[in-house]
PDB file of N, CA and C in Angstrom:
ATOM      1  N   MET A   1     163.636  50.493 -20.098  1.00  0.00           N
ATOM      2  CA  MET A   1     163.503  50.157 -18.697  1.00  0.00           C
ATOM      3  C   MET A   1     162.156  49.470 -18.494  1.00  0.00           C
ATOM      4  N   SER A   2     162.186  48.344 -17.829  1.00  0.00           N
ATOM      5  CA  SER A   2     160.931  47.628 -17.586  1.00  0.00           C
ATOM      6  C   SER A   2     160.176  48.263 -16.423  1.00  0.00           C
ATOM      7  N   SER A   3     158.896  47.902 -16.307  1.00  0.00           N
ATOM      8  CA  SER A   3     158.077  48.482 -15.237  1.00  0.00           C
ATOM      9  C   SER A   3     158.547  48.025 -13.859  1.00  0.00           C
ATOM     10  N   LYS A   4     159.148  46.832 -13.776  1.00  0.00           N
ATOM     11  CA  LYS A   4     159.654  46.351 -12.493  1.00  0.00           C
ATOM     12  C   LYS A   4     160.803  47.230 -12.006  1.00  0.00           C
ATOM     13  N   GLN A   5     161.688  47.638 -12.887  1.00  0.00           N
ATOM     14  CA  GLN A   5     162.795  48.497 -12.503  1.00  0.00           C
ATOM     15  C   GLN A   5     162.320  49.908 -12.169  1.00  0.00           C
ATOM     16  N   ALA A   6     161.284  50.376 -12.817  1.00  0.00           N
ATOM     17  CA  ALA A   6     160.790  51.723 -12.572  1.00  0.00           C
ATOM     18  C   ALA A   6     160.126  51.846 -11.205  1.00  0.00           C
ATOM     19  N   ASP A   7     159.633  50.747 -10.650  1.00  0.00           N
ATOM     20  CA  ASP A   7     158.937  50.784  -9.365  1.00  0.00           C
ATOM     21  C   ASP A   7     159.864  50.619  -8.164  1.00  0.00           C
ATOM     22  N   THR A   8     161.127  50.327  -8.372  1.00  0.00           N
ATOM     23  CA  THR A   8     162.027  50.125  -7.238  1.00  0.00           C
ATOM     24  C   THR A   8     162.426  51.468  -6.640  1.00  0.00           C
ATOM     25  N   LYS A   9     162.566  51.461  -5.314  1.00  0.00           N
ATOM     26  CA  LYS A   9     162.942  52.670  -4.589  1.00  0.00           C
ATOM     27  C   LYS A   9     164.345  52.486  -4.034  1.00  0.00           C
ATOM     28  N   LEU A  10     165.054  53.583  -3.906  1.00  0.00           N
ATOM     29  CA  LEU A  10     166.375  53.531  -3.299  1.00  0.00           C
ATOM     30  C   LEU A  10     166.250  53.255  -1.801  1.00  0.00           C
ATOM     31  N   ILE A  11     165.383  54.022  -1.116  1.00  0.00           N
ATOM     32  CA  ILE A  11     165.078  53.784   0.294  1.00  0.00           C
ATOM     33  C   ILE A  11     163.578  53.971   0.490  1.00  0.00           C
ATOM     34  N   SER A  12     163.083  53.432   1.586  1.00  0.00           N
ATOM     35  CA  SER A  12     161.652  53.545   1.855  1.00  0.00           C
ATOM     36  C   SER A  12     161.300  54.951   2.335  1.00  0.00           C
ATOM     37  N   THR A  13     160.030  55.256   2.284  1.00  0.00           N
ATOM     38  CA  THR A  13     159.553  56.556   2.764  1.00  0.00           C
ATOM     39  C   THR A  13     159.823  56.705   4.261  1.00  0.00           C
ATOM     40  N   ARG A  14     159.646  55.633   5.002  1.00  0.00           N
ATOM     41  CA  ARG A  14     159.898  55.648   6.448  1.00  0.00           C
ATOM     42  C   ARG A  14     161.363  55.973   6.734  1.00  0.00           C
ATOM     43  N   SER A  15     162.266  55.333   6.001  1.00  0.00           N
ATOM     44  CA  SER A  15     163.695  55.595   6.208  1.00  0.00           C
ATOM     45  C   SER A  15     164.055  57.032   5.850  1.00  0.00           C
ATOM     46  N   ALA A  16     163.482  57.533   4.778  1.00  0.00           N
ATOM     47  CA  ALA A  16     163.746  58.911   4.372  1.00  0.00           C
ATOM     48  C   ALA A  16     163.248  59.893   5.430  1.00  0.00           C
ATOM     49  N   LEU A  17     162.084  59.612   6.001  1.00  0.00           N
ATOM     50  CA  LEU A  17     161.542  60.476   7.051  1.00  0.00           C
ATOM     51  C   LEU A  17     162.436  60.457   8.285  1.00  0.00           C
ATOM     52  N   ILE A  18     162.886  59.282   8.683  1.00  0.00           N
ATOM     53  CA  ILE A  18     163.761  59.158   9.847  1.00  0.00           C
ATOM     54  C   ILE A  18     165.059  59.921   9.626  1.00  0.00           C
ATOM     55  N   MET A  19     165.655  59.765   8.460  1.00  0.00           N
ATOM     56  CA  MET A  19     166.911  60.460   8.167  1.00  0.00           C
ATOM     57  C   MET A  19     166.719  61.974   8.106  1.00  0.00           C
ATOM     58  N   ALA A  20     165.603  62.424   7.543  1.00  0.00           N
ATOM     59  CA  ALA A  20     165.339  63.864   7.454  1.00  0.00           C
ATOM     60  C   ALA A  20     165.141  64.476   8.843  1.00  0.00           C
ATOM     61  N   LEU A  21     164.371  63.809   9.683  1.00  0.00           N
ATOM     62  CA  LEU A  21     164.165  64.308  11.039  1.00  0.00           C
ATOM     63  C   LEU A  21     165.466  64.299  11.840  1.00  0.00           C
ATOM     64  N   ALA A  22     166.269  63.266  11.651  1.00  0.00           N
ATOM     65  CA  ALA A  22     167.553  63.201  12.344  1.00  0.00           C
ATOM     66  C   ALA A  22     168.489  64.310  11.859  1.00  0.00           C
ATOM     67  N   LEU A  23     168.443  64.617  10.575  1.00  0.00           N
ATOM     68  CA  LEU A  23     169.269  65.693  10.039  1.00  0.00           C
ATOM     69  C   LEU A  23     168.858  67.048  10.623  1.00  0.00           C
ATOM     70  N   ILE A  24     167.568  67.273  10.741  1.00  0.00           N
ATOM     71  CA  ILE A  24     167.082  68.521  11.347  1.00  0.00           C
ATOM     72  C   ILE A  24     167.546  68.627  12.795  1.00  0.00           C
ATOM     73  N   ALA A  25     167.460  67.533  13.543  1.00  0.00           N
ATOM     74  CA  ALA A  25     167.918  67.537  14.936  1.00  0.00           C
ATOM     75  C   ALA A  25     169.420  67.789  15.021  1.00  0.00           C
ATOM     76  N   ALA A  26     170.187  67.181  14.121  1.00  0.00           N
ATOM     77  CA  ALA A  26     171.639  67.346  14.132  1.00  0.00           C
ATOM     78  C   ALA A  26     172.043  68.777  13.787  1.00  0.00           C
ATOM     79  N   ILE A  27     171.379  69.360  12.807  1.00  0.00           N
ATOM     80  CA  ILE A  27     171.684  70.755  12.450  1.00  0.00           C
ATOM     81  C   ILE A  27     171.353  71.685  13.610  1.00  0.00           C
ATOM     82  N   GLY A  28     170.224  71.457  14.253  1.00  0.00           N
ATOM     83  CA  GLY A  28     169.850  72.281  15.407  1.00  0.00           C
ATOM     84  C   GLY A  28     170.852  72.156  16.539  1.00  0.00           C
ATOM     85  N   ALA A  29     171.246  70.941  16.862  1.00  0.00           N
ATOM     86  CA  ALA A  29     172.202  70.743  17.961  1.00  0.00           C
ATOM     87  C   ALA A  29     173.563  71.330  17.616  1.00  0.00           C
ATOM     88  N   GLY A  30     174.003  71.115  16.387  1.00  0.00           N
ATOM     89  CA  GLY A  30     175.295  71.657  15.970  1.00  0.00           C
ATOM     90  C   GLY A  30     175.291  73.175  15.948  1.00  0.00           C
ATOM     91  N   LEU A  31     174.213  73.756  15.462  1.00  0.00           N
ATOM     92  CA  LEU A  31     174.119  75.215  15.407  1.00  0.00           C
ATOM     93  C   LEU A  31     174.118  75.826  16.807  1.00  0.00           C
ATOM     94  N   LEU A  32     173.327  75.246  17.693  1.00  0.00           N
ATOM     95  CA  LEU A  32     173.293  75.763  19.068  1.00  0.00           C
ATOM     96  C   LEU A  32     174.641  75.622  19.766  1.00  0.00           C
ATOM     97  N   THR A  33     175.325  74.515  19.497  1.00  0.00           N
ATOM     98  CA  THR A  33     176.655  74.317  20.084  1.00  0.00           C
ATOM     99  C   THR A  33     177.638  75.340  19.539  1.00  0.00           C
ATOM    100  N   TYR A  34     177.590  75.572  18.235  1.00  0.00           N
ATOM    101  CA  TYR A  34     178.509  76.557  17.646  1.00  0.00           C
ATOM    102  C   TYR A  34     178.236  77.963  18.171  1.00  0.00           C
ATOM    103  N   LEU A  35     176.968  78.319  18.278  1.00  0.00           N
ATOM    104  CA  LEU A  35     176.635  79.645  18.786  1.00  0.00           C
ATOM    105  C   LEU A  35     177.046  79.811  20.248  1.00  0.00           C
ATOM    106  N   SER A  36     177.066  78.724  20.986  1.00  0.00           N
ATOM    107  CA  SER A  36     177.441  78.770  22.395  1.00  0.00           C
ATOM    108  C   SER A  36     178.954  78.841  22.583  1.00  0.00           C
ATOM    109  N   ASN A  37     179.697  77.999  21.845  1.00  0.00           N
ATOM    110  CA  ASN A  37     181.141  77.859  22.089  1.00  0.00           C
ATOM    111  C   ASN A  37     182.029  78.429  20.990  1.00  0.00           C
ATOM    112  N   HIS A  38     181.476  78.720  19.828  1.00  0.00           N
ATOM    113  CA  HIS A  38     182.251  79.167  18.665  1.00  0.00           C
ATOM    114  C   HIS A  38     183.364  78.179  18.322  1.00  0.00           C
ATOM    115  N   SER A  39     183.048  76.890  18.435  1.00  0.00           N
ATOM    116  CA  SER A  39     183.997  75.827  18.110  1.00  0.00           C
ATOM    117  C   SER A  39     183.379  74.951  17.026  1.00  0.00           C
ATOM    118  N   LEU A  40     183.915  75.054  15.815  1.00  0.00           N
ATOM    119  CA  LEU A  40     183.375  74.269  14.714  1.00  0.00           C
ATOM    120  C   LEU A  40     183.563  72.764  14.916  1.00  0.00           C
ATOM    121  N   PRO A  41     184.751  72.294  15.325  1.00  0.00           N
ATOM    122  CA  PRO A  41     184.889  70.848  15.558  1.00  0.00           C
ATOM    123  C   PRO A  41     183.926  70.325  16.637  1.00  0.00           C
ATOM    124  N   GLY A  42     183.755  71.084  17.675  1.00  0.00           N
ATOM    125  CA  GLY A  42     182.821  70.678  18.729  1.00  0.00           C
ATOM    126  C   GLY A  42     181.387  70.638  18.233  1.00  0.00           C
ATOM    127  N   ALA A  43     181.035  71.593  17.387  1.00  0.00           N
ATOM    128  CA  ALA A  43     179.683  71.624  16.831  1.00  0.00           C
ATOM    129  C   ALA A  43     179.439  70.436  15.902  1.00  0.00           C
ATOM    130  N   VAL A  44     180.444  70.084  15.101  1.00  0.00           N
ATOM    131  CA  VAL A  44     180.311  68.939  14.194  1.00  0.00           C
ATOM    132  C   VAL A  44     180.174  67.643  14.984  1.00  0.00           C
ATOM    133  N   LEU A  45     180.981  67.488  16.021  1.00  0.00           N
ATOM    134  CA  LEU A  45     180.890  66.282  16.846  1.00  0.00           C
ATOM    135  C   LEU A  45     179.549  66.199  17.571  1.00  0.00           C
ATOM    136  N   THR A  46     179.078  67.325  18.062  1.00  0.00           N
ATOM    137  CA  THR A  46     177.774  67.344  18.718  1.00  0.00           C
ATOM    138  C   THR A  46     176.664  67.013  17.739  1.00  0.00           C
ATOM    139  N   GLY A  47     176.733  67.583  16.549  1.00  0.00           N
ATOM    140  CA  GLY A  47     175.734  67.283  15.519  1.00  0.00           C
ATOM    141  C   GLY A  47     175.743  65.823  15.119  1.00  0.00           C
ATOM    142  N   GLY A  48     176.918  65.234  15.010  1.00  0.00           N
ATOM    143  CA  GLY A  48     177.012  63.809  14.673  1.00  0.00           C
ATOM    144  C   GLY A  48     176.408  62.925  15.744  1.00  0.00           C
ATOM    145  N   GLY A  49     176.699  63.247  16.986  1.00  0.00           N
ATOM    146  CA  GLY A  49     176.109  62.483  18.089  1.00  0.00           C
ATOM    147  C   GLY A  49     174.604  62.643  18.160  1.00  0.00           C
ATOM    148  N   ALA A  50     174.147  63.866  17.915  1.00  0.00           N
ATOM    149  CA  ALA A  50     172.702  64.117  17.914  1.00  0.00           C
ATOM    150  C   ALA A  50     172.028  63.390  16.776  1.00  0.00           C
ATOM    151  N   TRP A  51     172.688  63.319  15.614  1.00  0.00           N
ATOM    152  CA  TRP A  51     172.129  62.599  14.469  1.00  0.00           C
ATOM    153  C   TRP A  51     171.960  61.115  14.804  1.00  0.00           C
ATOM    154  N   ALA A  52     172.994  60.520  15.368  1.00  0.00           N
ATOM    155  CA  ALA A  52     172.924  59.094  15.707  1.00  0.00           C
ATOM    156  C   ALA A  52     171.832  58.814  16.735  1.00  0.00           C
ATOM    157  N   ALA A  53     171.753  59.648  17.756  1.00  0.00           N
ATOM    158  CA  ALA A  53     170.721  59.460  18.775  1.00  0.00           C
ATOM    159  C   ALA A  53     169.325  59.678  18.198  1.00  0.00           C
ATOM    160  N   ALA A  54     169.191  60.646  17.295  1.00  0.00           N
ATOM    161  CA  ALA A  54     167.885  60.928  16.693  1.00  0.00           C
ATOM    162  C   ALA A  54     167.438  59.786  15.780  1.00  0.00           C
ATOM    163  N   VAL A  55     168.366  59.170  15.062  1.00  0.00           N
ATOM    164  CA  VAL A  55     168.006  58.025  14.217  1.00  0.00           C
ATOM    165  C   VAL A  55     167.453  56.903  15.083  1.00  0.00           C
ATOM    166  N   ILE A  56     168.125  56.611  16.173  1.00  0.00           N
ATOM    167  CA  ILE A  56     167.648  55.554  17.071  1.00  0.00           C
ATOM    168  C   ILE A  56     166.291  55.926  17.658  1.00  0.00           C
ATOM    169  N   PHE A  57     166.141  57.173  18.090  1.00  0.00           N
ATOM    170  CA  PHE A  57     164.882  57.627  18.687  1.00  0.00           C
ATOM    171  C   PHE A  57     163.736  57.548  17.684  1.00  0.00           C
ATOM    172  N   PHE A  58     163.907  58.134  16.513  1.00  0.00           N
ATOM    173  CA  PHE A  58     162.824  58.148  15.535  1.00  0.00           C
ATOM    174  C   PHE A  58     162.544  56.758  14.971  1.00  0.00           C
ATOM    175  N   ASN A  59     163.557  55.919  14.877  1.00  0.00           N
ATOM    176  CA  ASN A  59     163.323  54.543  14.437  1.00  0.00           C
ATOM    177  C   ASN A  59     162.456  53.796  15.439  1.00  0.00           C
ATOM    178  N   THR A  60     162.598  54.144  16.706  1.00  0.00           N
ATOM    179  CA  THR A  60     161.806  53.493  17.752  1.00  0.00           C
ATOM    180  C   THR A  60     160.357  53.982  17.756  1.00  0.00           C
ATOM    181  N   ILE A  61     160.151  55.297  17.572  1.00  0.00           N
ATOM    182  CA  ILE A  61     158.790  55.817  17.737  1.00  0.00           C
ATOM    183  C   ILE A  61     157.960  55.820  16.458  1.00  0.00           C
ATOM    184  N   ILE A  62     158.605  55.749  15.287  1.00  0.00           N
ATOM    185  CA  ILE A  62     157.839  55.735  14.028  1.00  0.00           C
ATOM    186  C   ILE A  62     157.535  54.292  13.682  1.00  0.00           C
ATOM    187  N   GLY A  63     156.261  53.970  13.562  1.00  0.00           N
ATOM    188  CA  GLY A  63     155.826  52.601  13.312  1.00  0.00           C
ATOM    189  C   GLY A  63     156.315  52.044  11.994  1.00  0.00           C
ATOM    190  N   LYS A  64     156.517  50.747  11.964  1.00  0.00           N
ATOM    191  CA  LYS A  64     156.986  50.077  10.769  1.00  0.00           C
ATOM    192  C   LYS A  64     155.887  49.861   9.749  1.00  0.00           C
ATOM    193  N   ASP A  65     154.658  49.912  10.150  1.00  0.00           N
ATOM    194  CA  ASP A  65     153.529  49.689   9.218  1.00  0.00           C
ATOM    195  C   ASP A  65     152.650  50.897   9.134  1.00  0.00           C
TER     196      ASP A  65
END
């Protein structure tokens, strides 16, 4: 493996941070929804929506540089 291939990243650190924070928000929203309604499909849908909204939010507030 050449040094050029060894230095390539799958995703940037910024993208990984955004996805991790969005995942934490989605798990929290889904868990709270499940504890409130005891509906797994509703919790999954809520978590998915929260994940999408969190990605947009964190992408906006975390600087590109």
